[in-house]
Protein backbone atom coordinates (compact mmCIF):
# COMPACT_ATOMS: atom_id res chain seq x y z
CA MET A 1 -112.02 -102.49 22.31
CA SER A 2 -114.12 -101.87 19.36
CA SER A 3 -114.75 -104.31 16.49
CA SER A 4 -112.22 -102.53 14.15
CA GLU A 5 -109.44 -103.19 16.52
CA VAL A 6 -107.71 -106.33 17.88
CA GLN A 7 -105.07 -106.91 20.48
CA GLU A 8 -101.52 -107.84 19.31
CA ASP A 9 -98.52 -107.73 21.57
CA ASN A 10 -100.55 -105.97 24.28
CA HIS A 11 -101.23 -102.97 21.87
CA PRO A 12 -104.39 -102.33 20.07
CA MET A 13 -103.96 -102.34 16.27
CA SER A 14 -106.55 -101.64 13.70
CA LEU A 15 -107.33 -104.05 11.03
CA SER A 16 -105.85 -101.97 8.22
CA ALA A 17 -102.65 -101.55 10.36
CA GLN A 18 -102.36 -105.38 10.85
CA LEU A 19 -102.87 -105.73 7.09
CA SER A 20 -100.19 -103.28 6.37
CA LYS A 21 -97.89 -105.10 8.74
CA ALA A 22 -98.64 -108.39 7.13
CA GLN A 23 -97.75 -107.02 3.64
CA SER A 24 -94.55 -105.61 4.86
CA LEU A 25 -93.60 -108.92 6.32
CA MET A 26 -94.43 -110.55 3.01
CA ASN A 27 -91.80 -108.41 1.25
CA LYS A 28 -89.20 -108.86 4.01
CA ASP A 29 -86.41 -111.40 3.47
CA GLN A 30 -85.43 -113.85 6.21
CA ASP A 31 -82.61 -112.96 8.46
CA GLN A 32 -79.71 -115.47 7.18
CA ASN A 33 -77.62 -114.66 10.31
CA ASP A 34 -80.32 -115.95 12.74
CA PRO A 35 -81.92 -119.04 11.17
CA ALA A 36 -83.91 -119.78 14.32
CA LYS A 37 -85.73 -116.64 13.93
CA THR A 38 -89.25 -117.11 12.50
CA ASN A 39 -89.85 -116.79 8.90
CA PRO A 40 -91.37 -113.42 8.00
CA LEU A 41 -93.82 -115.32 5.74
CA VAL A 42 -95.07 -117.44 8.62
CA ARG A 43 -95.59 -114.36 10.79
CA ALA A 44 -97.45 -112.79 7.91
CA LEU A 45 -99.67 -115.91 7.57
CA VAL A 46 -100.47 -115.86 11.28
CA ILE A 47 -101.54 -112.14 11.16
CA LEU A 48 -103.60 -112.69 7.90
CA GLU A 49 -105.35 -115.77 9.51
CA LYS A 50 -106.29 -113.70 12.71
CA LEU A 51 -107.59 -111.15 10.31
CA GLN A 52 -109.60 -113.57 8.40
CA GLU A 53 -111.05 -115.01 11.57
CA HIS A 54 -111.95 -111.50 12.87
CA ILE A 55 -113.58 -110.33 9.68
CA GLN A 56 -115.75 -113.54 9.63
CA GLN A 57 -116.78 -113.06 13.34
CA ALA A 58 -117.57 -109.45 12.84
CA ALA A 59 -119.39 -109.82 9.63
CA ILE A 60 -117.82 -106.94 8.14
CA PHE A 61 -118.70 -107.95 4.65
CA SER A 62 -122.34 -109.13 4.50
CA THR A 63 -123.86 -110.41 1.39
CA ASN A 64 -127.00 -108.26 2.35
CA GLU A 65 -124.82 -105.05 1.84
CA ALA A 66 -124.02 -103.21 -1.33
CA LEU A 67 -120.69 -101.81 -2.18
CA SER A 68 -121.76 -98.16 -1.30
CA ASP A 69 -122.33 -99.60 2.36
CA ILE A 70 -118.84 -100.50 2.78
CA GLN A 71 -116.44 -98.06 4.18
CA SER A 72 -113.51 -96.79 2.19
CA THR A 73 -111.11 -97.87 4.88
CA SER A 74 -112.50 -101.60 4.86
CA LEU A 75 -111.98 -102.23 1.25
CA PRO A 76 -108.47 -103.45 1.56
CA LEU A 77 -109.74 -106.05 3.99
CA LEU A 78 -111.39 -107.76 1.08
CA ALA A 79 -107.99 -108.90 -0.16
CA VAL A 80 -106.94 -110.87 2.85
CA GLU A 81 -107.54 -114.14 1.20
CA TYR A 82 -105.47 -112.92 -1.71
CA HIS A 83 -102.65 -112.10 0.36
CA MET A 84 -102.94 -115.57 2.24
CA ALA A 85 -102.79 -117.29 -1.12
CA LYS A 86 -99.76 -115.33 -2.15
CA VAL A 87 -98.02 -116.40 1.20
CA TYR A 88 -98.78 -120.07 0.79
CA LEU A 89 -97.28 -120.08 -2.77
CA GLN A 90 -94.22 -118.33 -1.54
CA LEU A 91 -93.66 -120.70 1.50
CA ARG A 92 -90.81 -123.02 0.84
CA THR A 93 -91.46 -126.80 1.54
CA SER A 94 -89.27 -129.84 1.88
CA SER A 95 -91.55 -132.34 -0.03
CA SER A 96 -94.00 -132.55 -2.85
CA THR A 97 -96.75 -133.37 -0.66
CA SER A 98 -96.28 -130.17 1.41
CA ARG A 99 -96.09 -128.21 -1.64
CA ASN A 100 -99.27 -129.85 -3.20
CA THR A 101 -101.11 -128.98 -0.01
CA ASN A 102 -100.01 -125.33 0.00
CA VAL A 103 -101.00 -125.08 -3.79
CA LYS A 104 -104.42 -126.44 -3.04
CA LYS A 105 -105.03 -123.90 -0.22
CA ALA A 106 -103.82 -120.99 -2.34
CA ILE A 107 -106.28 -122.16 -5.19
CA ASP A 108 -109.07 -122.17 -2.72
CA LEU A 109 -108.18 -118.62 -1.23
CA PHE A 110 -108.01 -117.27 -4.83
CA HIS A 111 -111.54 -118.52 -5.51
CA ILE A 112 -112.79 -117.15 -2.20
CA PHE A 113 -111.28 -113.60 -3.05
CA LEU A 114 -112.52 -113.53 -6.49
CA HIS A 115 -115.98 -114.83 -5.55
CA ARG A 116 -116.23 -112.05 -2.86
CA CYS A 117 -115.14 -109.17 -5.15
CA ASP A 118 -117.67 -110.52 -7.80
CA THR A 119 -120.33 -110.45 -5.21
CA PHE A 120 -120.30 -106.94 -4.68
CA GLU A 121 -121.32 -105.31 -7.86
CA GLY A 122 -118.98 -102.43 -8.86
CA ILE A 123 -115.67 -103.75 -7.71
CA LEU A 124 -114.66 -105.65 -10.73
CA SER A 125 -114.48 -104.19 -14.08
CA ASP A 126 -116.49 -105.69 -16.94
CA ASP A 127 -113.27 -107.17 -18.61
CA THR A 128 -112.20 -108.74 -15.22
CA HIS A 129 -115.60 -110.08 -14.40
CA LYS A 130 -115.81 -111.78 -17.99
CA GLN A 131 -112.23 -113.32 -17.59
CA TYR A 132 -113.37 -114.60 -13.99
CA ALA A 133 -116.82 -115.98 -15.28
CA ALA A 134 -114.84 -117.71 -17.94
CA ILE A 135 -112.85 -119.94 -15.47
CA PRO A 136 -114.75 -123.14 -14.90
CA ASP A 137 -115.74 -124.27 -11.36
CA VAL A 138 -113.15 -126.87 -10.50
CA ASN A 139 -113.64 -128.51 -7.08
CA ILE A 140 -110.85 -131.26 -6.52
CA ASP A 141 -112.09 -133.79 -4.03
CA THR A 142 -109.71 -136.65 -4.45
CA GLU A 143 -106.16 -137.19 -5.53
CA GLU A 144 -107.27 -139.57 -8.42
CA GLU A 145 -109.58 -137.17 -10.08
CA ALA A 146 -107.30 -134.07 -9.72
CA PRO A 147 -105.36 -134.23 -13.21
CA SER A 148 -108.83 -134.60 -15.12
CA LYS A 149 -110.27 -131.50 -13.56
CA LEU A 150 -107.47 -129.03 -14.11
CA LEU A 151 -108.08 -125.87 -15.91
CA PRO A 152 -107.57 -125.51 -19.63
CA SER A 153 -104.46 -123.51 -20.65
CA PRO A 154 -105.34 -119.83 -21.13
CA SER A 155 -104.92 -118.19 -24.59
CA ARG A 156 -102.14 -115.95 -25.48
CA ASP A 157 -104.48 -113.02 -26.19
CA ASP A 158 -106.00 -113.15 -22.69
CA LYS A 159 -102.67 -113.27 -21.03
CA ILE A 160 -101.60 -110.15 -22.97
CA ALA A 161 -104.75 -108.44 -22.23
CA ARG A 162 -104.38 -109.14 -18.45
CA PHE A 163 -100.95 -107.79 -18.49
CA ARG A 164 -101.80 -104.64 -20.29
CA GLN A 165 -104.77 -104.06 -17.76
CA SER A 166 -102.49 -104.67 -14.72
CA ARG A 167 -100.00 -102.16 -16.19
CA GLU A 168 -102.58 -99.61 -16.68
CA LEU A 169 -104.03 -100.20 -13.07
CA ARG A 170 -100.49 -99.86 -11.56
CA SER A 171 -100.07 -96.57 -13.56
CA LYS A 172 -103.30 -95.15 -11.99
CA ILE A 173 -102.50 -96.36 -8.53
CA ALA A 174 -99.11 -94.48 -8.79
CA GLN A 175 -100.80 -91.40 -9.71
CA MET A 176 -103.21 -91.48 -7.09
CA ASN A 177 -100.35 -92.01 -4.52
CA ALA A 178 -98.71 -88.96 -5.87
CA GLN A 179 -101.96 -86.95 -5.27
CA LEU A 180 -102.27 -88.17 -1.84
CA ALA A 181 -98.56 -87.01 -1.30
CA GLN A 182 -99.50 -83.72 -3.01
CA ARG A 183 -102.47 -83.28 -0.58
CA LYS A 184 -100.13 -84.01 2.51
CA ARG A 185 -97.71 -81.52 1.25
CA LEU A 186 -100.27 -78.79 0.84
CA ASP A 187 -101.91 -79.65 4.32
CA LEU A 188 -105.33 -79.98 2.68
CA GLN A 189 -108.43 -80.92 4.74
CA GLU A 190 -110.35 -84.19 3.93
CA HIS A 191 -113.26 -82.39 2.53
CA GLU A 192 -111.21 -80.24 0.13
CA GLU A 193 -111.06 -81.38 -3.42
CA ILE A 194 -108.06 -81.52 -5.83
CA GLU A 195 -108.60 -82.62 -9.38
CA GLY A 196 -112.01 -83.65 -8.62
CA HIS A 197 -111.31 -85.83 -5.54
CA ASP A 198 -111.53 -85.27 -1.90
CA GLU A 199 -109.22 -87.57 0.27
CA ASP A 200 -112.10 -90.21 0.95
CA SER A 201 -113.04 -90.52 -2.83
CA LEU A 202 -109.41 -90.68 -3.89
CA HIS A 203 -108.58 -93.46 -1.30
CA ARG A 204 -111.82 -95.40 -2.42
CA THR A 205 -110.88 -95.19 -6.10
CA MET A 206 -107.28 -96.34 -5.44
CA TYR A 207 -108.63 -99.36 -3.25
CA LEU A 208 -110.97 -100.36 -6.08
CA HIS A 209 -108.04 -100.11 -8.63
CA GLN A 210 -105.93 -102.28 -6.30
CA LEU A 211 -108.66 -105.03 -6.00
CA ASN A 212 -109.14 -105.05 -9.80
CA GLU A 213 -105.20 -105.51 -9.97
CA PHE A 214 -105.26 -108.39 -7.34
CA SER A 215 -108.12 -109.94 -9.26
CA LEU A 216 -106.12 -110.07 -12.57
CA ASP A 217 -103.18 -111.50 -10.72
CA SER A 218 -105.41 -114.18 -9.06
CA ILE A 219 -106.69 -115.30 -12.46
CA ASP A 220 -103.18 -115.70 -13.56
CA GLU A 221 -102.20 -117.37 -10.47
CA LEU A 222 -105.16 -119.85 -10.74
CA TYR A 223 -104.03 -121.07 -14.25
CA SER A 224 -100.28 -121.44 -13.17
CA SER A 225 -101.11 -123.11 -10.00
CA ASN A 226 -103.51 -125.66 -11.72
CA MET A 227 -100.60 -126.54 -14.15
CA GLU A 228 -98.20 -126.92 -11.21
CA LEU A 229 -100.67 -128.92 -9.35
CA GLN A 230 -100.74 -131.53 -12.35
CA MET A 231 -96.89 -132.05 -11.95
CA LEU A 232 -97.37 -132.11 -8.19
CA GLN A 233 -99.84 -134.98 -8.42
CA MET A 234 -97.30 -137.02 -10.20
CA ALA A 235 -94.52 -136.14 -7.87
CA VAL A 236 -96.73 -136.98 -4.83
CA LYS A 237 -97.49 -140.39 -6.37
CA THR A 238 -93.95 -141.09 -7.09
CA GLU A 239 -92.93 -140.22 -3.50
CA SER A 240 -95.72 -142.32 -2.15
CA ASP A 241 -94.78 -145.25 -4.16
CA ARG A 242 -91.07 -145.00 -3.35
CA ASP A 243 -91.84 -144.67 0.60
CA HIS A 244 -94.21 -147.79 0.31
CA MET A 245 -91.50 -149.81 -1.51
CA ASP A 246 -88.76 -148.59 1.05
CA ARG A 247 -91.02 -149.74 4.05
CA HIS A 248 -91.72 -153.04 2.24
CA ARG A 249 -87.99 -153.74 1.83
CA GLN A 250 -87.16 -152.73 5.38
CA ARG A 251 -89.75 -155.19 6.81
CA GLY A 252 -88.32 -157.99 4.49
CA GLY A 253 -84.74 -157.08 5.28
CA HIS A 254 -85.22 -157.17 9.14
CA ALA A 255 -86.99 -160.58 8.98
CA ASN A 256 -84.12 -162.21 7.19
CA ALA A 257 -81.30 -160.52 8.99
CA GLY A 258 -81.34 -162.92 11.94
CA ARG A 259 -80.65 -165.76 9.43
CA GLY A 260 -77.05 -164.50 8.79
CA GLN A 261 -78.01 -162.41 5.61
CA THR A 262 -77.75 -158.75 5.34
CA PRO A 263 -80.75 -156.82 4.47
CA THR A 264 -79.34 -156.07 0.96
CA GLU A 265 -78.48 -159.80 0.39
CA SER A 266 -81.91 -161.11 1.78
CA ARG A 267 -83.73 -158.74 -0.76
CA GLY A 268 -81.69 -160.27 -3.73
CA PHE A 269 -80.08 -157.06 -4.75
CA VAL A 270 -76.41 -156.66 -5.95
CA ARG A 271 -74.55 -153.63 -5.73
CA PRO A 272 -73.42 -152.46 -9.28
CA PRO A 273 -69.76 -152.33 -9.80
CA PRO A 274 -68.24 -148.79 -9.41
CA PRO A 275 -67.84 -147.07 -12.85
CA ASP A 276 -64.64 -147.23 -14.49
CA PRO A 277 -62.62 -143.93 -14.22
CA ASN A 278 -60.85 -144.31 -17.32
CA GLN A 279 -63.81 -144.94 -19.48
CA ARG A 280 -64.77 -141.88 -21.55
CA MET A 281 -68.27 -140.55 -21.31
CA LYS A 282 -70.63 -141.35 -24.22
CA MET A 283 -72.42 -138.06 -25.39
CA THR A 284 -75.20 -137.60 -27.77
CA GLN A 285 -74.53 -134.68 -30.21
CA VAL A 286 -77.61 -132.51 -30.45
CA LEU A 287 -77.62 -129.85 -33.30
CA GLN A 288 -80.15 -127.37 -34.39
CA ASP A 289 -81.33 -126.76 -38.01
CA PRO A 290 -80.35 -123.31 -38.75
CA MET A 291 -83.48 -123.02 -41.32
CA THR A 292 -86.37 -124.65 -39.36
CA GLY A 293 -84.99 -124.50 -35.80
CA GLU A 294 -85.66 -128.32 -35.20
CA LEU A 295 -83.25 -130.26 -33.14
CA ILE A 296 -81.17 -132.78 -35.10
CA PHE A 297 -79.59 -135.63 -33.26
CA LYS A 298 -76.31 -136.98 -34.86
CA LYS A 299 -77.39 -140.72 -34.99
CA GLN A 300 -80.65 -139.86 -36.72
CA GLU A 301 -78.82 -137.62 -39.24
CA LEU A 302 -76.33 -140.51 -40.11
CA GLN A 303 -79.33 -143.00 -40.29
CA SER A 304 -81.12 -140.72 -42.79
CA GLN A 305 -77.97 -140.57 -45.10
CA VAL A 306 -77.54 -144.44 -45.42
CA PHE A 307 -79.24 -144.59 -48.94
CA ARG A 308 -78.00 -141.07 -50.05
CA PRO A 309 -75.96 -141.05 -53.18
CA SER A 310 -72.29 -140.19 -52.75
CA TRP A 311 -72.34 -137.40 -55.47
CA ASN A 312 -73.92 -134.13 -54.93
CA GLN A 313 -77.59 -133.95 -56.03
CA PRO A 314 -79.13 -130.96 -58.16
CA THR A 315 -80.64 -128.43 -56.01
CA MET A 316 -82.55 -126.55 -58.81
CA SER A 317 -83.95 -127.15 -62.17
CA LEU A 318 -82.49 -125.94 -65.41
CA GLU A 319 -85.25 -123.33 -65.70
CA GLU A 320 -84.25 -121.80 -62.35
CA LEU A 321 -80.57 -121.82 -63.25
CA GLY A 322 -81.37 -120.04 -66.53
CA GLU A 323 -83.50 -117.39 -64.73
CA ARG A 324 -80.73 -116.95 -61.93
CA GLU A 325 -78.09 -116.49 -64.71
CA VAL A 326 -80.18 -113.87 -66.52
CA ASN A 327 -80.79 -111.96 -63.33
CA GLU A 328 -77.10 -112.00 -62.55
CA ALA A 329 -76.13 -110.81 -66.07
CA MET A 330 -78.72 -107.89 -65.82
CA GLU A 331 -77.26 -106.88 -62.39
CA ARG A 332 -73.72 -106.95 -63.84
CA GLU A 333 -74.82 -104.80 -66.97
CA ALA A 334 -76.30 -102.32 -64.70
CA ARG A 335 -73.30 -101.99 -62.30
CA GLN A 336 -71.05 -101.66 -65.50
CA LYS A 337 -73.30 -98.87 -66.91
CA VAL A 338 -72.98 -97.01 -63.43
CA SER A 339 -69.22 -97.39 -63.39
CA GLU A 340 -68.96 -96.13 -67.11
CA ASP A 341 -70.95 -93.12 -66.27
CA LYS A 342 -68.68 -92.34 -63.27
CA ALA A 343 -65.63 -92.92 -65.47
CA LYS A 344 -67.07 -90.56 -68.16
CA ASP A 345 -67.18 -87.69 -65.67
CA ALA A 346 -63.72 -88.36 -64.33
CA PRO A 347 -60.91 -86.11 -65.07
CA ARG A 348 -58.22 -87.35 -67.38
CA ARG A 349 -55.73 -86.15 -70.14
CA TYR A 350 -56.97 -83.93 -72.83
CA GLU A 351 -56.22 -86.41 -75.66
CA TYR A 352 -58.68 -88.77 -74.09
CA LEU A 353 -61.19 -86.02 -73.74
CA VAL A 354 -60.81 -85.39 -77.47
CA ARG A 355 -61.18 -89.19 -78.17
CA ASP A 356 -64.40 -89.21 -76.12
CA GLY A 357 -65.87 -85.90 -77.41
CA MET A 358 -65.64 -84.31 -74.10
CA GLU A 359 -63.47 -81.42 -75.09
CA ASP A 360 -66.20 -78.78 -74.78
CA ASN A 361 -66.56 -79.56 -70.90
CA ALA A 362 -64.78 -76.52 -69.44
CA ASP A 363 -64.33 -78.30 -66.04
CA LEU A 364 -62.87 -81.34 -67.47
CA VAL A 365 -60.56 -79.38 -69.59
CA ASP A 366 -59.25 -77.32 -66.48
CA ALA A 367 -58.72 -80.65 -64.72
CA SER A 368 -56.89 -82.21 -67.87
CA ALA A 369 -54.49 -79.44 -68.04
CA LYS A 370 -53.16 -80.12 -64.63
CA ILE A 371 -53.04 -83.96 -65.40
CA ASP A 372 -51.06 -83.04 -68.62
CA ARG A 373 -48.58 -80.89 -66.88
CA GLU A 374 -47.90 -83.58 -64.36
CA TRP A 375 -47.50 -86.17 -67.09
CA ASP A 376 -44.97 -83.88 -68.91
CA SER A 377 -43.06 -83.31 -65.75
CA TRP A 378 -42.96 -87.04 -65.08
CA LYS A 379 -41.71 -87.74 -68.56
CA ASP A 380 -38.97 -85.12 -68.33
CA GLU A 381 -37.73 -86.72 -64.96
CA ASN A 382 -37.86 -90.40 -66.43
CA PRO A 383 -36.71 -90.18 -70.11
CA LYS A 384 -37.21 -93.20 -72.38
CA GLY A 385 -34.96 -96.09 -71.59
CA SER A 386 -33.86 -94.80 -68.26
CA GLY A 387 -35.30 -97.78 -66.60
CA ASN A 388 -33.32 -100.29 -68.63
CA LYS A 389 -30.23 -100.98 -66.36
CA MET A 390 -29.00 -104.05 -68.35
CA GLY A 391 -28.31 -102.06 -71.49
CA ASP A 392 -24.78 -101.70 -71.20
CA ARG A 393 -23.87 -105.42 -70.52
CA GLY A 394 -23.28 -108.21 -72.94
CA ASP A 395 -21.75 -108.15 -76.52
CA ARG A 396 -22.96 -105.11 -78.59
CA ASN A 397 -22.33 -106.92 -81.75
CA PHE A 398 -25.60 -108.91 -81.42
């Protein structure tokens, strides 16, 4: 068996095939119907650890070599530590201590991956190299000094720049995958070029884009993992203190239990009474200021109004009030002028046109003729006094 192949399940598999298998296991969900089955993430981690060991033993990536000396098919193996770090971050744990250990391992693996990519000149782009160089070298040796050695928070501009670079790299990788699929459909030979790339140069360029995308993601994960590590340090310390206190109480309880005291009584603790089911829950009302967006607690709001006068206070000066009324008057005048102009051009009876001096407007005169006819017809149908229904009642002498 050659150095590029290892034995797994009695079948030789190339290193690239094992890496592809580990990546597929990372994206596979655990079978809920069979809880006893091994977690796919654990299986992927086992494969990646074997790959890492084989790469180190075979010295596939030597510091004495340049990027041009590395075969194109070996470039994806540079990301083994990156995939291992992602697995450690995805693994579920039952305690803060275990999670703290996994996050530390992930941080170390991210640094190994970034350092290896930075060692071979030409893998990382200039922007990615500058962002990696800006990360301080943080080595956490003890639990006590961990919180003081965490990375500073990244700036918003740097995060946006990394997001845009990653999106651009994913777009280029998708285009190259489409070109590979096109080559396969056209049944082209490896040396035949399409759009300036033969098959090997196309694979090599795509692998370099993937390494740059993994590097940007590693930088983001380093910042987020260090922030998580700070919270985990506090959780681990809390769990350790609680476990130490529980062990101390158990030893004291068992020592006094033979004297006729229960462990709870020997510790001097009294169980609190059960809560009253009829007692209503006390709630703190929290509101939000619609103008500033700040949170307002009801109690604080009431305290701030203790010395406030009972009458309404002025909200503006006389000068501001006068300016406001002048503006409103000008707006009303403008609206009235617009409505008058509209009413001036509206059709109406001819006598009103004569009154307004509009009898020379032929369109309005034609429209007024129709309105006058309708008005005359209505007067004929409704003579004067026809609406007085009480006229025939009462004494006519008065």
